[in-house]
């Protein structure tokens, strides 16, 4: 086995130490928010917590705990992690493929020289098409969404 063992001959202490390290890492990671969408950070935290529960369920293999209880707990954690991972992938595919909001036209302009003309053109196109027209100056708060709008609309 390639896992370095710090505490020898103490199985319960090894499992508790590994669970503590995983818990600390999960808390630090949740505090730093490494992913841009909040939902991804939430899913990451839940998966880390379920992994820690699985590690602690392995500590239950002692003479006082029944093996069937530990097996059921481990199976439930593994099923929950799998369901969460499949749900997260499905949600990501859905968010990637959906077209929302939809814009009929896209206007990009030089901010200093053509702001008035671009705004007038937007108003005229909105009136003519009865659909929304995208103008880049209106959506400068989240540039990640700007790339998605340009990509698919």
C-alpha atoms as a PDB file:
ATOM      1  CA  UNK A   1       0.000   0.000   0.000  1.00  0.00           C
ATOM      2  CA  UNK A   2       1.373   3.429  -0.913  1.00  0.00           C
ATOM      3  CA  UNK A   3      -0.499   5.330   1.802  1.00  0.00           C
ATOM      4  CA  UNK A   4       1.882   6.743   4.416  1.00  0.00           C
ATOM      5  CA  UNK A   5       0.842   5.725   7.901  1.00  0.00           C
ATOM      6  CA  UNK A   6       1.631   8.114  10.722  1.00  0.00           C
ATOM      7  CA  UNK A   7      -0.144   6.260  13.503  1.00  0.00           C
ATOM      8  CA  UNK A   8       0.767   2.563  13.540  1.00  0.00           C
ATOM      9  CA  UNK A   9      -1.275  -0.205  15.099  1.00  0.00           C
ATOM     10  CA  UNK A  10      -4.199   2.105  15.894  1.00  0.00           C
ATOM     11  CA  UNK A  11      -6.834   1.625  13.192  1.00  0.00           C
ATOM     12  CA  UNK A  12      -9.456   3.838  14.785  1.00  0.00           C
ATOM     13  CA  UNK A  13      -6.950   6.659  15.328  1.00  0.00           C
ATOM     14  CA  UNK A  14      -5.839   6.417  11.674  1.00  0.00           C
ATOM     15  CA  UNK A  15      -9.409   6.686  10.414  1.00  0.00           C
ATOM     16  CA  UNK A  16     -10.195   9.579  12.751  1.00  0.00           C
ATOM     17  CA  UNK A  17      -7.036  11.389  11.627  1.00  0.00           C
ATOM     18  CA  UNK A  18      -7.922  10.888   7.945  1.00  0.00           C
ATOM     19  CA  UNK A  19     -11.477  12.082   8.570  1.00  0.00           C
ATOM     20  CA  UNK A  20     -10.209  15.142  10.431  1.00  0.00           C
ATOM     21  CA  UNK A  21      -7.854  16.035   7.573  1.00  0.00           C
ATOM     22  CA  UNK A  22     -10.697  15.639   5.051  1.00  0.00           C
ATOM     23  CA  UNK A  23     -13.015  17.769   7.192  1.00  0.00           C
ATOM     24  CA  UNK A  24     -10.460  20.559   7.558  1.00  0.00           C
ATOM     25  CA  UNK A  25      -9.748  20.503   3.825  1.00  0.00           C
ATOM     26  CA  UNK A  26     -13.487  20.635   3.028  1.00  0.00           C
ATOM     27  CA  UNK A  27     -14.025  23.594   5.368  1.00  0.00           C
ATOM     28  CA  UNK A  28     -11.082  25.544   3.910  1.00  0.00           C
ATOM     29  CA  UNK A  29     -12.271  24.806   0.392  1.00  0.00           C
ATOM     30  CA  UNK A  30     -15.835  25.935   1.201  1.00  0.00           C
ATOM     31  CA  UNK A  31     -14.448  29.165   2.656  1.00  0.00           C
ATOM     32  CA  UNK A  32     -12.322  29.922  -0.423  1.00  0.00           C
ATOM     33  CA  UNK A  33     -15.159  29.240  -2.936  1.00  0.00           C
ATOM     34  CA  UNK A  34     -12.917  27.890  -5.724  1.00  0.00           C
ATOM     35  CA  UNK A  35     -15.719  27.543  -8.278  1.00  0.00           C
ATOM     36  CA  UNK A  36     -17.490  30.523  -9.843  1.00  0.00           C
ATOM     37  CA  UNK A  37     -21.106  29.320  -9.564  1.00  0.00           C
ATOM     38  CA  UNK A  38     -22.356  28.976  -5.998  1.00  0.00           C
ATOM     39  CA  UNK A  39     -24.162  25.727  -6.825  1.00  0.00           C
ATOM     40  CA  UNK A  40     -20.881  24.082  -7.826  1.00  0.00           C
ATOM     41  CA  UNK A  41     -19.308  25.066  -4.501  1.00  0.00           C
ATOM     42  CA  UNK A  42     -22.325  23.637  -2.689  1.00  0.00           C
ATOM     43  CA  UNK A  43     -22.128  20.334  -4.575  1.00  0.00           C
ATOM     44  CA  UNK A  44     -18.395  20.131  -3.869  1.00  0.00           C
ATOM     45  CA  UNK A  45     -18.995  20.645  -0.149  1.00  0.00           C
ATOM     46  CA  UNK A  46     -21.712  17.995  -0.005  1.00  0.00           C
ATOM     47  CA  UNK A  47     -19.517  15.479  -1.846  1.00  0.00           C
ATOM     48  CA  UNK A  48     -16.625  16.170   0.543  1.00  0.00           C
ATOM     49  CA  UNK A  49     -18.924  15.703   3.530  1.00  0.00           C
ATOM     50  CA  UNK A  50     -20.264  12.420   2.172  1.00  0.00           C
ATOM     51  CA  UNK A  51     -16.711  11.234   1.554  1.00  0.00           C
ATOM     52  CA  UNK A  52     -15.854  12.025   5.168  1.00  0.00           C
ATOM     53  CA  UNK A  53     -18.914  10.105   6.362  1.00  0.00           C
ATOM     54  CA  UNK A  54     -17.775   7.130   4.287  1.00  0.00           C
ATOM     55  CA  UNK A  55     -14.340   7.297   5.909  1.00  0.00           C
ATOM     56  CA  UNK A  56     -15.898   7.422   9.354  1.00  0.00           C
ATOM     57  CA  UNK A  57     -18.190   4.520   8.495  1.00  0.00           C
ATOM     58  CA  UNK A  58     -15.060   2.476   7.854  1.00  0.00           C
ATOM     59  CA  UNK A  59     -14.066   3.175  11.455  1.00  0.00           C
ATOM     60  CA  UNK A  60     -17.150   1.280  12.510  1.00  0.00           C
ATOM     61  CA  UNK A  61     -15.543  -2.056  11.814  1.00  0.00           C
ATOM     62  CA  UNK A  62     -15.010  -2.917  15.413  1.00  0.00           C
ATOM     63  CA  UNK A  63     -16.320  -5.730  17.524  1.00  0.00           C
ATOM     64  CA  UNK A  64     -19.167  -3.624  18.895  1.00  0.00           C
ATOM     65  CA  UNK A  65     -20.579  -2.571  15.491  1.00  0.00           C
ATOM     66  CA  UNK A  66     -22.353  -4.919  13.140  1.00  0.00           C
ATOM     67  CA  UNK A  67     -20.877  -5.253   9.680  1.00  0.00           C
ATOM     68  CA  UNK A  68     -24.308  -4.960   8.060  1.00  0.00           C
ATOM     69  CA  UNK A  69     -24.827  -1.482   9.555  1.00  0.00           C
ATOM     70  CA  UNK A  70     -21.471  -0.274   8.233  1.00  0.00           C
ATOM     71  CA  UNK A  71     -22.219  -1.812   4.836  1.00  0.00           C
ATOM     72  CA  UNK A  72     -25.615  -0.087   4.640  1.00  0.00           C
ATOM     73  CA  UNK A  73     -24.137   3.260   5.710  1.00  0.00           C
ATOM     74  CA  UNK A  74     -21.327   2.998   3.141  1.00  0.00           C
ATOM     75  CA  UNK A  75     -23.763   1.979   0.407  1.00  0.00           C
ATOM     76  CA  UNK A  76     -26.069   4.898   1.203  1.00  0.00           C
ATOM     77  CA  UNK A  77     -23.162   7.365   1.113  1.00  0.00           C
ATOM     78  CA  UNK A  78     -21.863   5.951  -2.165  1.00  0.00           C
ATOM     79  CA  UNK A  79     -25.361   6.065  -3.702  1.00  0.00           C
ATOM     80  CA  UNK A  80     -25.864   9.653  -2.523  1.00  0.00           C
ATOM     81  CA  UNK A  81     -22.496  10.698  -3.976  1.00  0.00           C
ATOM     82  CA  UNK A  82     -23.271   9.002  -7.285  1.00  0.00           C
ATOM     83  CA  UNK A  83     -26.737  10.567  -7.472  1.00  0.00           C
ATOM     84  CA  UNK A  84     -25.331  14.001  -6.660  1.00  0.00           C
ATOM     85  CA  UNK A  85     -22.585  13.652  -9.270  1.00  0.00           C
ATOM     86  CA  UNK A  86     -25.043  12.516 -11.965  1.00  0.00           C
ATOM     87  CA  UNK A  87     -27.425  15.341 -11.009  1.00  0.00           C
ATOM     88  CA  UNK A  88     -24.622  17.910 -11.156  1.00  0.00           C
ATOM     89  CA  UNK A  89     -23.514  16.710 -14.586  1.00  0.00           C
ATOM     90  CA  UNK A  90     -27.102  16.754 -15.847  1.00  0.00           C
ATOM     91  CA  UNK A  91     -27.670  20.250 -14.475  1.00  0.00           C
ATOM     92  CA  UNK A  92     -24.430  21.465 -16.083  1.00  0.00           C
ATOM     93  CA  UNK A  93     -25.432  20.036 -19.469  1.00  0.00           C
ATOM     94  CA  UNK A  94     -28.870  21.645 -19.139  1.00  0.00           C
ATOM     95  CA  UNK A  95     -27.373  25.055 -18.265  1.00  0.00           C
ATOM     96  CA  UNK A  96     -24.932  24.777 -21.162  1.00  0.00           C
ATOM     97  CA  UNK A  97     -27.568  23.854 -23.749  1.00  0.00           C
ATOM     98  CA  UNK A  98     -30.435  26.145 -22.800  1.00  0.00           C
ATOM     99  CA  UNK A  99     -30.924  29.389 -24.651  1.00  0.00           C
ATOM    100  CA  UNK A 100     -31.984  31.974 -22.099  1.00  0.00           C
ATOM    101  CA  UNK A 101     -32.354  34.890 -22.431  1.00  0.00           C
ATOM    102  CA  UNK A 102     -32.831  34.967 -26.185  1.00  0.00           C
ATOM    103  CA  UNK A 103     -31.917  38.105 -28.124  1.00  0.00           C
ATOM    104  CA  UNK A 104     -32.958  38.723 -31.705  1.00  0.00           C
ATOM    105  CA  UNK A 105     -30.088  41.145 -32.389  1.00  0.00           C
ATOM    106  CA  UNK A 106     -26.667  41.867 -30.932  1.00  0.00           C
ATOM    107  CA  UNK A 107     -25.131  45.350 -30.881  1.00  0.00           C
ATOM    108  CA  UNK A 108     -21.530  45.987 -29.948  1.00  0.00           C
ATOM    109  CA  UNK A 109     -20.198  49.531 -30.138  1.00  0.00           C
ATOM    110  CA  UNK A 110     -17.327  51.808 -29.225  1.00  0.00           C
ATOM    111  CA  UNK A 111     -18.344  53.259 -25.887  1.00  0.00           C
ATOM    112  CA  UNK A 112     -16.956  56.769 -26.332  1.00  0.00           C
ATOM    113  CA  UNK A 113     -17.966  57.464 -29.930  1.00  0.00           C
ATOM    114  CA  UNK A 114     -21.125  55.504 -30.705  1.00  0.00           C
ATOM    115  CA  UNK A 115     -23.102  55.082 -27.478  1.00  0.00           C
ATOM    116  CA  UNK A 116     -25.992  57.299 -28.589  1.00  0.00           C
ATOM    117  CA  UNK A 117     -26.283  55.706 -32.022  1.00  0.00           C
ATOM    118  CA  UNK A 118     -26.183  52.193 -30.569  1.00  0.00           C
ATOM    119  CA  UNK A 119     -28.910  53.050 -28.040  1.00  0.00           C
ATOM    120  CA  UNK A 120     -31.102  54.542 -30.805  1.00  0.00           C
ATOM    121  CA  UNK A 121     -30.548  51.476 -32.986  1.00  0.00           C
ATOM    122  CA  UNK A 122     -31.511  49.227 -30.053  1.00  0.00           C
ATOM    123  CA  UNK A 123     -34.747  51.125 -29.501  1.00  0.00           C
ATOM    124  CA  UNK A 124     -35.616  50.963 -33.199  1.00  0.00           C
ATOM    125  CA  UNK A 125     -34.869  47.234 -33.460  1.00  0.00           C
ATOM    126  CA  UNK A 126     -36.850  46.448 -30.300  1.00  0.00           C
ATOM    127  CA  UNK A 127     -39.840  48.319 -31.720  1.00  0.00           C
ATOM    128  CA  UNK A 128     -39.530  46.701 -35.164  1.00  0.00           C
ATOM    129  CA  UNK A 129     -38.947  43.069 -34.114  1.00  0.00           C
ATOM    130  CA  UNK A 130     -40.950  43.052 -30.860  1.00  0.00           C
ATOM    131  CA  UNK A 131     -38.044  41.045 -29.402  1.00  0.00           C
ATOM    132  CA  UNK A 132     -35.127  41.938 -27.184  1.00  0.00           C
ATOM    133  CA  UNK A 133     -31.942  43.374 -28.621  1.00  0.00           C
ATOM    134  CA  UNK A 134     -28.673  42.810 -26.797  1.00  0.00           C
ATOM    135  CA  UNK A 135     -26.414  45.794 -26.315  1.00  0.00           C
ATOM    136  CA  UNK A 136     -23.102  45.057 -24.643  1.00  0.00           C
ATOM    137  CA  UNK A 137     -23.038  48.170 -22.448  1.00  0.00           C
ATOM    138  CA  UNK A 138     -26.164  46.989 -20.576  1.00  0.00           C
ATOM    139  CA  UNK A 139     -24.594  43.729 -19.411  1.00  0.00           C
ATOM    140  CA  UNK A 140     -21.175  44.555 -18.009  1.00  0.00           C
ATOM    141  CA  UNK A 141     -21.764  43.170 -14.498  1.00  0.00           C
ATOM    142  CA  UNK A 142     -20.998  39.493 -15.242  1.00  0.00           C
ATOM    143  CA  UNK A 143     -18.627  38.989 -18.154  1.00  0.00           C
ATOM    144  CA  UNK A 144     -18.911  35.181 -17.966  1.00  0.00           C
ATOM    145  CA  UNK A 145     -22.559  35.431 -18.982  1.00  0.00           C
ATOM    146  CA  UNK A 146     -21.588  37.852 -21.752  1.00  0.00           C
ATOM    147  CA  UNK A 147     -19.440  35.166 -23.381  1.00  0.00           C
ATOM    148  CA  UNK A 148     -22.321  32.666 -23.144  1.00  0.00           C
ATOM    149  CA  UNK A 149     -24.738  35.134 -24.759  1.00  0.00           C
ATOM    150  CA  UNK A 150     -22.355  35.875 -27.618  1.00  0.00           C
ATOM    151  CA  UNK A 151     -21.598  32.165 -28.066  1.00  0.00           C
ATOM    152  CA  UNK A 152     -25.129  30.868 -28.520  1.00  0.00           C
ATOM    153  CA  UNK A 153     -27.435  33.665 -29.561  1.00  0.00           C
END
